[in-house]
Amino acid sequence: MERRVSLITLGVADLVRARMFYEQLGFKASSIGGGAVVFLQAGPMAICLWPRSELAADAGVADAPAGFRGVAVAHNVRTTEEVDATLAEAERAGARITRPAHDADWGGRSGYFADPDGHLWEVAWNPHFPLSDDGALTLPQ
């Protein structure tokens, strides 16, 4: 298996609402999907929005009630100020801030928001994970 992630699929309750939320954050939807799913470019990878019940059926699992899923998507930024600004942008788009921006004990700054379906996103500035000009994160050796 190659060491990369190509696509993150988020099961959503309302596809139109989810698409509008992510487009308000600046993601651009692809024309592929025909309205049954929505694909959004996210740098060198993509996010897929798919009705939750259909995703569960496709994966062969029960569509369990929402709650903490043990997963968070992370969006790293280049400065500490961008953490606060990005959280504010997400809140304006309809996100719920679950943990406000704060200075972290590991030396960076981070905060969390939940999208309209409860998917957690961490927004972080990490001095140990510099970003390239194109936003790529490369772990230190």
C-alpha atoms as a PDB file:
ATOM      1  CA  MET A   1       0.000   0.000   0.000  1.00  0.00           C
ATOM      2  CA  GLU A   2       1.308   3.444  -0.869  1.00  0.00           C
ATOM      3  CA  ARG A   3       1.549   5.829   2.097  1.00  0.00           C
ATOM      4  CA  ARG A   4      -0.999   8.466   1.126  1.00  0.00           C
ATOM      5  CA  VAL A   5      -4.613   9.488   1.534  1.00  0.00           C
ATOM      6  CA  SER A   6      -6.489  10.267  -1.678  1.00  0.00           C
ATOM      7  CA  LEU A   7     -10.009  10.971  -0.492  1.00  0.00           C
ATOM      8  CA  ILE A   8     -11.854  11.468   2.790  1.00  0.00           C
ATOM      9  CA  THR A   9     -15.560  10.601   2.624  1.00  0.00           C
ATOM     10  CA  LEU A  10     -17.909  12.232   5.104  1.00  0.00           C
ATOM     11  CA  GLY A  11     -21.365  10.737   5.618  1.00  0.00           C
ATOM     12  CA  VAL A  12     -23.867  13.600   5.744  1.00  0.00           C
ATOM     13  CA  ALA A  13     -27.546  13.932   6.680  1.00  0.00           C
ATOM     14  CA  ASP A  14     -28.360  16.602   4.077  1.00  0.00           C
ATOM     15  CA  LEU A  15     -26.200  16.664   0.937  1.00  0.00           C
ATOM     16  CA  VAL A  16     -27.327  20.127  -0.179  1.00  0.00           C
ATOM     17  CA  ARG A  17     -26.692  21.661   3.260  1.00  0.00           C
ATOM     18  CA  ALA A  18     -23.268  20.003   3.499  1.00  0.00           C
ATOM     19  CA  ARG A  19     -22.263  21.199   0.030  1.00  0.00           C
ATOM     20  CA  MET A  20     -23.320  24.761   0.842  1.00  0.00           C
ATOM     21  CA  PHE A  21     -21.341  24.695   4.106  1.00  0.00           C
ATOM     22  CA  TYR A  22     -18.112  23.529   2.449  1.00  0.00           C
ATOM     23  CA  GLU A  23     -18.530  25.910  -0.485  1.00  0.00           C
ATOM     24  CA  GLN A  24     -18.901  28.781   2.015  1.00  0.00           C
ATOM     25  CA  LEU A  25     -15.493  27.743   3.356  1.00  0.00           C
ATOM     26  CA  GLY A  26     -14.041  28.077  -0.147  1.00  0.00           C
ATOM     27  CA  PHE A  27     -14.030  24.463  -1.345  1.00  0.00           C
ATOM     28  CA  LYS A  28     -14.967  24.023  -4.999  1.00  0.00           C
ATOM     29  CA  ALA A  29     -17.294  21.192  -5.999  1.00  0.00           C
ATOM     30  CA  SER A  30     -16.492  19.046  -9.017  1.00  0.00           C
ATOM     31  CA  SER A  31     -19.038  18.387 -11.736  1.00  0.00           C
ATOM     32  CA  ILE A  32     -18.508  14.640 -11.164  1.00  0.00           C
ATOM     33  CA  GLY A  33     -21.060  12.888  -8.961  1.00  0.00           C
ATOM     34  CA  GLY A  34     -24.309  13.710 -10.701  1.00  0.00           C
ATOM     35  CA  GLY A  35     -25.931  15.089  -7.548  1.00  0.00           C
ATOM     36  CA  ALA A  36     -25.790  11.775  -5.662  1.00  0.00           C
ATOM     37  CA  VAL A  37     -22.415  12.647  -4.109  1.00  0.00           C
ATOM     38  CA  VAL A  38     -20.319  15.797  -3.979  1.00  0.00           C
ATOM     39  CA  PHE A  39     -16.556  15.811  -4.553  1.00  0.00           C
ATOM     40  CA  LEU A  40     -14.530  18.793  -3.301  1.00  0.00           C
ATOM     41  CA  GLN A  41     -10.899  19.464  -4.171  1.00  0.00           C
ATOM     42  CA  ALA A  42      -8.761  19.741  -1.018  1.00  0.00           C
ATOM     43  CA  GLY A  43      -5.203  20.459  -2.147  1.00  0.00           C
ATOM     44  CA  PRO A  44      -3.633  17.252  -3.478  1.00  0.00           C
ATOM     45  CA  MET A  45      -6.559  15.148  -2.247  1.00  0.00           C
ATOM     46  CA  ALA A  46     -10.358  15.381  -2.182  1.00  0.00           C
ATOM     47  CA  ILE A  47     -13.298  15.287   0.188  1.00  0.00           C
ATOM     48  CA  CYS A  48     -16.425  13.367  -0.754  1.00  0.00           C
ATOM     49  CA  LEU A  49     -19.812  14.202   0.751  1.00  0.00           C
ATOM     50  CA  TRP A  50     -22.168  11.234   0.563  1.00  0.00           C
ATOM     51  CA  PRO A  51     -25.518  10.604   2.237  1.00  0.00           C
ATOM     52  CA  ARG A  52     -24.734   8.912   5.545  1.00  0.00           C
ATOM     53  CA  SER A  53     -27.111   5.957   5.083  1.00  0.00           C
ATOM     54  CA  GLU A  54     -25.710   5.225   1.619  1.00  0.00           C
ATOM     55  CA  LEU A  55     -22.125   5.373   2.881  1.00  0.00           C
ATOM     56  CA  ALA A  56     -22.955   2.964   5.715  1.00  0.00           C
ATOM     57  CA  ALA A  57     -24.659   0.560   3.299  1.00  0.00           C
ATOM     58  CA  ASP A  58     -21.734   0.726   0.867  1.00  0.00           C
ATOM     59  CA  ALA A  59     -19.289  -0.043   3.687  1.00  0.00           C
ATOM     60  CA  GLY A  60     -21.464  -2.886   5.001  1.00  0.00           C
ATOM     61  CA  VAL A  61     -21.994  -1.361   8.463  1.00  0.00           C
ATOM     62  CA  ALA A  62     -25.002  -0.178  10.456  1.00  0.00           C
ATOM     63  CA  ASP A  63     -25.821   3.521  10.306  1.00  0.00           C
ATOM     64  CA  ALA A  64     -25.197   4.101  14.014  1.00  0.00           C
ATOM     65  CA  PRO A  65     -26.370   7.264  15.760  1.00  0.00           C
ATOM     66  CA  ALA A  66     -24.139  10.317  15.576  1.00  0.00           C
ATOM     67  CA  GLY A  67     -21.664  10.981  18.351  1.00  0.00           C
ATOM     68  CA  PHE A  68     -17.934  11.071  18.800  1.00  0.00           C
ATOM     69  CA  ARG A  69     -16.489   9.017  15.969  1.00  0.00           C
ATOM     70  CA  GLY A  70     -12.871   8.939  17.101  1.00  0.00           C
ATOM     71  CA  VAL A  71     -11.746  10.849  13.991  1.00  0.00           C
ATOM     72  CA  ALA A  72     -10.912  14.483  13.259  1.00  0.00           C
ATOM     73  CA  VAL A  73      -9.871  16.032   9.967  1.00  0.00           C
ATOM     74  CA  ALA A  74      -7.056  18.558  10.421  1.00  0.00           C
ATOM     75  CA  HIS A  75      -6.428  21.810   8.598  1.00  0.00           C
ATOM     76  CA  ASN A  76      -2.985  23.216   9.360  1.00  0.00           C
ATOM     77  CA  VAL A  77      -2.275  26.900   8.833  1.00  0.00           C
ATOM     78  CA  ARG A  78       0.900  28.976   8.525  1.00  0.00           C
ATOM     79  CA  THR A  79       0.437  31.400  11.458  1.00  0.00           C
ATOM     80  CA  THR A  80      -1.135  31.490  14.898  1.00  0.00           C
ATOM     81  CA  GLU A  81      -3.490  34.267  13.732  1.00  0.00           C
ATOM     82  CA  GLU A  82      -4.856  32.037  10.989  1.00  0.00           C
ATOM     83  CA  VAL A  83      -6.143  29.573  13.609  1.00  0.00           C
ATOM     84  CA  ASP A  84      -8.508  32.188  15.048  1.00  0.00           C
ATOM     85  CA  ALA A  85      -9.461  33.549  11.624  1.00  0.00           C
ATOM     86  CA  THR A  86     -10.217  30.088  10.213  1.00  0.00           C
ATOM     87  CA  LEU A  87     -12.356  29.123  13.208  1.00  0.00           C
ATOM     88  CA  ALA A  88     -14.292  32.385  12.852  1.00  0.00           C
ATOM     89  CA  GLU A  89     -14.801  31.713   9.127  1.00  0.00           C
ATOM     90  CA  ALA A  90     -16.094  28.206   9.864  1.00  0.00           C
ATOM     91  CA  GLU A  91     -18.489  29.549  12.498  1.00  0.00           C
ATOM     92  CA  ARG A  92     -19.868  32.140  10.053  1.00  0.00           C
ATOM     93  CA  ALA A  93     -20.452  29.309   7.565  1.00  0.00           C
ATOM     94  CA  GLY A  94     -22.504  27.390  10.145  1.00  0.00           C
ATOM     95  CA  ALA A  95     -19.944  25.354  12.104  1.00  0.00           C
ATOM     96  CA  ARG A  96     -20.177  24.856  15.854  1.00  0.00           C
ATOM     97  CA  ILE A  97     -16.946  25.682  17.685  1.00  0.00           C
ATOM     98  CA  THR A  98     -16.253  22.742  19.996  1.00  0.00           C
ATOM     99  CA  ARG A  99     -12.993  24.087  21.401  1.00  0.00           C
ATOM    100  CA  PRO A 100     -11.940  27.699  20.881  1.00  0.00           C
ATOM    101  CA  ALA A 101      -8.450  28.567  19.688  1.00  0.00           C
ATOM    102  CA  HIS A 102      -5.891  28.116  22.442  1.00  0.00           C
ATOM    103  CA  ASP A 103      -2.142  27.875  22.895  1.00  0.00           C
ATOM    104  CA  ALA A 104      -1.372  24.161  23.023  1.00  0.00           C
ATOM    105  CA  ASP A 105       1.053  22.488  25.409  1.00  0.00           C
ATOM    106  CA  TRP A 106       2.990  21.093  22.406  1.00  0.00           C
ATOM    107  CA  GLY A 107       3.989  24.616  21.384  1.00  0.00           C
ATOM    108  CA  GLY A 108       1.416  25.469  18.745  1.00  0.00           C
ATOM    109  CA  ARG A 109      -2.104  26.864  18.632  1.00  0.00           C
ATOM    110  CA  SER A 110      -5.271  24.968  17.789  1.00  0.00           C
ATOM    111  CA  GLY A 111      -9.036  24.796  18.069  1.00  0.00           C
ATOM    112  CA  TYR A 112     -11.862  22.592  16.814  1.00  0.00           C
ATOM    113  CA  PHE A 113     -15.136  23.005  14.986  1.00  0.00           C
ATOM    114  CA  ALA A 114     -17.880  20.572  14.014  1.00  0.00           C
ATOM    115  CA  ASP A 115     -19.480  20.817  10.586  1.00  0.00           C
ATOM    116  CA  PRO A 116     -23.291  20.650  10.316  1.00  0.00           C
ATOM    117  CA  ASP A 117     -23.139  16.830  10.500  1.00  0.00           C
ATOM    118  CA  GLY A 118     -20.859  16.784  13.549  1.00  0.00           C
ATOM    119  CA  HIS A 119     -17.618  15.915  11.715  1.00  0.00           C
ATOM    120  CA  LEU A 120     -14.745  17.356  13.717  1.00  0.00           C
ATOM    121  CA  TRP A 121     -12.105  19.580  12.162  1.00  0.00           C
ATOM    122  CA  GLU A 122      -8.991  20.690  14.000  1.00  0.00           C
ATOM    123  CA  VAL A 123      -7.450  23.975  12.885  1.00  0.00           C
ATOM    124  CA  ALA A 124      -3.821  24.118  13.967  1.00  0.00           C
ATOM    125  CA  TRP A 125      -0.611  26.030  13.654  1.00  0.00           C
ATOM    126  CA  ASN A 126       2.217  23.655  14.490  1.00  0.00           C
ATOM    127  CA  PRO A 127       5.776  25.020  14.546  1.00  0.00           C
ATOM    128  CA  HIS A 128       7.058  21.461  14.037  1.00  0.00           C
ATOM    129  CA  PHE A 129       5.045  20.946  10.800  1.00  0.00           C
ATOM    130  CA  PRO A 130       5.943  23.733   8.363  1.00  0.00           C
ATOM    131  CA  LEU A 131       3.802  23.995   5.247  1.00  0.00           C
ATOM    132  CA  SER A 132       5.216  24.386   1.750  1.00  0.00           C
ATOM    133  CA  ASP A 133       4.025  27.171  -0.564  1.00  0.00           C
ATOM    134  CA  ASP A 134       1.336  24.838  -1.934  1.00  0.00           C
ATOM    135  CA  GLY A 135       0.131  23.923   1.580  1.00  0.00           C
ATOM    136  CA  ALA A 136       1.684  20.462   1.693  1.00  0.00           C
ATOM    137  CA  LEU A 137       2.666  19.225   5.137  1.00  0.00           C
ATOM    138  CA  THR A 138       5.893  17.250   5.403  1.00  0.00           C
ATOM    139  CA  LEU A 139       6.701  15.577   8.688  1.00  0.00           C
ATOM    140  CA  PRO A 140      10.175  16.176  10.083  1.00  0.00           C
ATOM    141  CA  GLN A 141      12.604  13.251   9.932  1.00  0.00           C
END
